[in-house]
Amino acid sequence: MNPIVLLLAVLLLSGAAAGVLYRLVKGPALLDRVLASDVLLAVVAAAVCLDMIWLGNTDYLILTVMISLVGFLASVTFARFVQTRPSQHPDVGRGRSEWEDAEAPSKRREPESGTGAVTVVSREPVSDPEEQH
């Protein structure tokens, strides 16, 4: 691998890692931090792949797969964690009549086409600047 390309890749990965670490520390929300940790794992996996390319071996391939798997499982686990539970859903416990009342506005018939009022806006003719000279 060309040393210039390697240096460029290391600089790009370092910049990405710095930006992700900033987002990981500053937040402001928990979702930002979880997403930043997932991206940081992807940057680490890319750095391990870059090392494998530079050294010309595949000894760390299993490590890269494991890092990717941990990132995926962490994202899925967090998504399941923040998902609303069925008992907390606002529609749980509603009776049939409450469902029908909630859906009633969407079942109203729209007026037929051609029955609405039309507003005509007229504009005064604009004079041509060439005619004034």
C-alpha atoms as a PDB file:
ATOM      1  CA  MET A   1       0.000   0.000   0.000  1.00  0.00           C
ATOM      2  CA  ASN A   2       1.207   3.454  -0.843  1.00  0.00           C
ATOM      3  CA  PRO A   3       2.378   5.334   2.295  1.00  0.00           C
ATOM      4  CA  ILE A   4       0.646   8.523   1.154  1.00  0.00           C
ATOM      5  CA  VAL A   5      -2.684   6.713   0.850  1.00  0.00           C
ATOM      6  CA  LEU A   6      -2.126   5.132   4.262  1.00  0.00           C
ATOM      7  CA  LEU A   7      -1.377   8.530   5.806  1.00  0.00           C
ATOM      8  CA  LEU A   8      -4.478  10.036   4.210  1.00  0.00           C
ATOM      9  CA  ALA A   9      -6.641   7.160   5.491  1.00  0.00           C
ATOM     10  CA  VAL A  10      -5.213   7.493   9.004  1.00  0.00           C
ATOM     11  CA  LEU A  11      -5.868  11.242   8.975  1.00  0.00           C
ATOM     12  CA  LEU A  12      -9.454  10.730   7.822  1.00  0.00           C
ATOM     13  CA  LEU A  13     -10.083   8.063  10.450  1.00  0.00           C
ATOM     14  CA  SER A  14      -8.526  10.288  13.118  1.00  0.00           C
ATOM     15  CA  GLY A  15     -10.767  13.181  12.131  1.00  0.00           C
ATOM     16  CA  ALA A  16     -13.813  10.935  12.192  1.00  0.00           C
ATOM     17  CA  ALA A  17     -12.839   9.568  15.592  1.00  0.00           C
ATOM     18  CA  ALA A  18     -12.323  13.087  16.974  1.00  0.00           C
ATOM     19  CA  GLY A  19     -15.744  14.210  15.763  1.00  0.00           C
ATOM     20  CA  VAL A  20     -17.409  11.109  17.138  1.00  0.00           C
ATOM     21  CA  LEU A  21     -15.669  11.468  20.503  1.00  0.00           C
ATOM     22  CA  TYR A  22     -16.856  15.072  20.712  1.00  0.00           C
ATOM     23  CA  ARG A  23     -20.443  13.957  20.078  1.00  0.00           C
ATOM     24  CA  LEU A  24     -20.025  11.129  22.585  1.00  0.00           C
ATOM     25  CA  VAL A  25     -18.944  13.536  25.327  1.00  0.00           C
ATOM     26  CA  LYS A  26     -21.216  16.511  24.550  1.00  0.00           C
ATOM     27  CA  GLY A  27     -24.410  14.602  23.775  1.00  0.00           C
ATOM     28  CA  PRO A  28     -26.863  16.309  24.315  1.00  0.00           C
ATOM     29  CA  ALA A  29     -29.255  13.356  24.210  1.00  0.00           C
ATOM     30  CA  LEU A  30     -28.752   9.719  25.036  1.00  0.00           C
ATOM     31  CA  LEU A  31     -29.568   8.815  21.439  1.00  0.00           C
ATOM     32  CA  ASP A  32     -26.653  10.989  20.250  1.00  0.00           C
ATOM     33  CA  ARG A  33     -24.282   9.180  22.582  1.00  0.00           C
ATOM     34  CA  VAL A  34     -25.461   5.723  21.527  1.00  0.00           C
ATOM     35  CA  LEU A  35     -25.172   6.615  17.858  1.00  0.00           C
ATOM     36  CA  ALA A  36     -21.707   8.073  18.463  1.00  0.00           C
ATOM     37  CA  SER A  37     -20.555   4.890  20.193  1.00  0.00           C
ATOM     38  CA  ASP A  38     -21.837   2.847  17.252  1.00  0.00           C
ATOM     39  CA  VAL A  39     -19.972   5.040  14.765  1.00  0.00           C
ATOM     40  CA  LEU A  40     -16.854   4.910  16.946  1.00  0.00           C
ATOM     41  CA  LEU A  41     -16.942   1.117  16.759  1.00  0.00           C
ATOM     42  CA  ALA A  42     -17.187   1.384  12.971  1.00  0.00           C
ATOM     43  CA  VAL A  43     -14.146   3.702  12.933  1.00  0.00           C
ATOM     44  CA  VAL A  44     -12.194   1.236  15.094  1.00  0.00           C
ATOM     45  CA  ALA A  45     -13.183  -1.612  12.763  1.00  0.00           C
ATOM     46  CA  ALA A  46     -12.006   0.451   9.787  1.00  0.00           C
ATOM     47  CA  ALA A  47      -8.704   1.143  11.550  1.00  0.00           C
ATOM     48  CA  VAL A  48      -8.216  -2.580  12.182  1.00  0.00           C
ATOM     49  CA  CYS A  49      -8.941  -3.261   8.501  1.00  0.00           C
ATOM     50  CA  LEU A  50      -6.431  -0.597   7.519  1.00  0.00           C
ATOM     51  CA  ASP A  51      -3.834  -2.277   9.730  1.00  0.00           C
ATOM     52  CA  MET A  52      -4.559  -5.633   8.098  1.00  0.00           C
ATOM     53  CA  ILE A  53      -4.096  -4.097   4.652  1.00  0.00           C
ATOM     54  CA  TRP A  54      -0.832  -2.436   5.682  1.00  0.00           C
ATOM     55  CA  LEU A  55       0.596  -5.632   7.196  1.00  0.00           C
ATOM     56  CA  GLY A  56      -0.750  -7.833   4.416  1.00  0.00           C
ATOM     57  CA  ASN A  57      -2.371 -10.435   6.660  1.00  0.00           C
ATOM     58  CA  THR A  58      -5.849 -11.320   7.846  1.00  0.00           C
ATOM     59  CA  ASP A  59      -5.080 -12.237  11.439  1.00  0.00           C
ATOM     60  CA  TYR A  60      -7.475  -9.642  12.839  1.00  0.00           C
ATOM     61  CA  LEU A  61     -10.431 -10.458  10.597  1.00  0.00           C
ATOM     62  CA  ILE A  62     -12.306 -12.173  13.434  1.00  0.00           C
ATOM     63  CA  LEU A  63     -11.686  -9.119  15.626  1.00  0.00           C
ATOM     64  CA  THR A  64     -13.228  -6.894  12.954  1.00  0.00           C
ATOM     65  CA  VAL A  65     -16.285  -9.144  12.703  1.00  0.00           C
ATOM     66  CA  MET A  66     -16.663  -9.148  16.491  1.00  0.00           C
ATOM     67  CA  ILE A  67     -16.415  -5.343  16.675  1.00  0.00           C
ATOM     68  CA  SER A  68     -19.088  -5.030  13.997  1.00  0.00           C
ATOM     69  CA  LEU A  69     -21.295  -7.555  15.768  1.00  0.00           C
ATOM     70  CA  VAL A  70     -20.989  -5.712  19.088  1.00  0.00           C
ATOM     71  CA  GLY A  71     -21.931  -2.437  17.392  1.00  0.00           C
ATOM     72  CA  PHE A  72     -24.963  -4.003  15.721  1.00  0.00           C
ATOM     73  CA  LEU A  73     -26.169  -5.722  18.887  1.00  0.00           C
ATOM     74  CA  ALA A  74     -25.718  -2.556  20.926  1.00  0.00           C
ATOM     75  CA  SER A  75     -27.814  -0.565  18.450  1.00  0.00           C
ATOM     76  CA  VAL A  76     -30.568  -3.177  18.371  1.00  0.00           C
ATOM     77  CA  THR A  77     -30.582  -3.467  22.158  1.00  0.00           C
ATOM     78  CA  PHE A  78     -30.862   0.286  22.568  1.00  0.00           C
ATOM     79  CA  ALA A  79     -33.663   0.451  20.000  1.00  0.00           C
ATOM     80  CA  ARG A  80     -35.574  -2.209  21.926  1.00  0.00           C
ATOM     81  CA  PHE A  81     -34.893  -0.349  25.160  1.00  0.00           C
ATOM     82  CA  VAL A  82     -36.366   2.955  23.989  1.00  0.00           C
ATOM     83  CA  GLN A  83     -39.324   1.353  22.216  1.00  0.00           C
ATOM     84  CA  THR A  84     -42.595   2.034  24.013  1.00  0.00           C
ATOM     85  CA  ARG A  85     -43.976  -0.882  25.944  1.00  0.00           C
ATOM     86  CA  PRO A  86     -47.476  -2.078  24.996  1.00  0.00           C
ATOM     87  CA  SER A  87     -48.803  -1.212  28.462  1.00  0.00           C
ATOM     88  CA  GLN A  88     -47.612   2.382  27.997  1.00  0.00           C
ATOM     89  CA  HIS A  89     -49.141   2.802  24.547  1.00  0.00           C
ATOM     90  CA  PRO A  90     -51.989   5.346  24.534  1.00  0.00           C
ATOM     91  CA  ASP A  91     -54.336   3.006  22.630  1.00  0.00           C
ATOM     92  CA  VAL A  92     -54.166   0.134  25.124  1.00  0.00           C
ATOM     93  CA  GLY A  93     -57.408  -0.309  27.021  1.00  0.00           C
ATOM     94  CA  ARG A  94     -59.622   1.532  24.542  1.00  0.00           C
ATOM     95  CA  GLY A  95     -63.013   0.031  23.893  1.00  0.00           C
ATOM     96  CA  ARG A  96     -64.585  -0.537  20.481  1.00  0.00           C
ATOM     97  CA  SER A  97     -66.680   2.643  20.643  1.00  0.00           C
ATOM     98  CA  GLU A  98     -63.598   4.712  21.506  1.00  0.00           C
ATOM     99  CA  TRP A  99     -61.808   3.286  18.446  1.00  0.00           C
ATOM    100  CA  GLU A 100     -64.780   4.118  16.230  1.00  0.00           C
ATOM    101  CA  ASP A 101     -64.947   7.654  17.637  1.00  0.00           C
ATOM    102  CA  ALA A 102     -61.246   8.151  16.994  1.00  0.00           C
ATOM    103  CA  GLU A 103     -61.568   6.927  13.399  1.00  0.00           C
ATOM    104  CA  ALA A 104     -64.779   8.846  12.651  1.00  0.00           C
ATOM    105  CA  PRO A 105     -63.126  11.995  11.201  1.00  0.00           C
ATOM    106  CA  SER A 106     -61.206   9.928   8.666  1.00  0.00           C
ATOM    107  CA  LYS A 107     -64.422   8.232   7.462  1.00  0.00           C
ATOM    108  CA  ARG A 108     -66.153  11.489   6.523  1.00  0.00           C
ATOM    109  CA  ARG A 109     -66.993  11.853   2.876  1.00  0.00           C
ATOM    110  CA  GLU A 110     -65.094  14.457   0.978  1.00  0.00           C
ATOM    111  CA  PRO A 111     -67.223  16.806  -1.151  1.00  0.00           C
ATOM    112  CA  GLU A 112     -67.554  15.952  -4.807  1.00  0.00           C
ATOM    113  CA  SER A 113     -65.287  17.786  -7.198  1.00  0.00           C
ATOM    114  CA  GLY A 114     -66.714  20.943  -8.684  1.00  0.00           C
ATOM    115  CA  THR A 115     -68.698  21.972  -5.611  1.00  0.00           C
ATOM    116  CA  GLY A 116     -66.096  24.257  -4.057  1.00  0.00           C
ATOM    117  CA  ALA A 117     -65.923  28.007  -4.459  1.00  0.00           C
ATOM    118  CA  VAL A 118     -63.398  29.485  -6.836  1.00  0.00           C
ATOM    119  CA  THR A 119     -61.616  32.740  -6.085  1.00  0.00           C
ATOM    120  CA  VAL A 120     -60.397  34.691  -9.070  1.00  0.00           C
ATOM    121  CA  VAL A 121     -57.562  37.122  -8.472  1.00  0.00           C
ATOM    122  CA  SER A 122     -57.008  39.656 -11.188  1.00  0.00           C
ATOM    123  CA  ARG A 123     -53.814  41.552 -11.742  1.00  0.00           C
ATOM    124  CA  GLU A 124     -53.484  44.875 -13.408  1.00  0.00           C
ATOM    125  CA  PRO A 125     -51.517  44.712 -16.627  1.00  0.00           C
ATOM    126  CA  VAL A 126     -47.869  45.497 -16.171  1.00  0.00           C
ATOM    127  CA  SER A 127     -46.583  48.162 -18.505  1.00  0.00           C
ATOM    128  CA  ASP A 128     -43.634  47.331 -20.668  1.00  0.00           C
ATOM    129  CA  PRO A 129     -40.580  49.512 -19.826  1.00  0.00           C
ATOM    130  CA  GLU A 130     -39.713  49.810 -23.535  1.00  0.00           C
ATOM    131  CA  GLU A 131     -43.058  51.467 -24.290  1.00  0.00           C
ATOM    132  CA  GLN A 132     -42.348  54.310 -21.852  1.00  0.00           C
ATOM    133  CA  HIS A 133     -39.341  55.590 -23.837  1.00  0.00           C
END
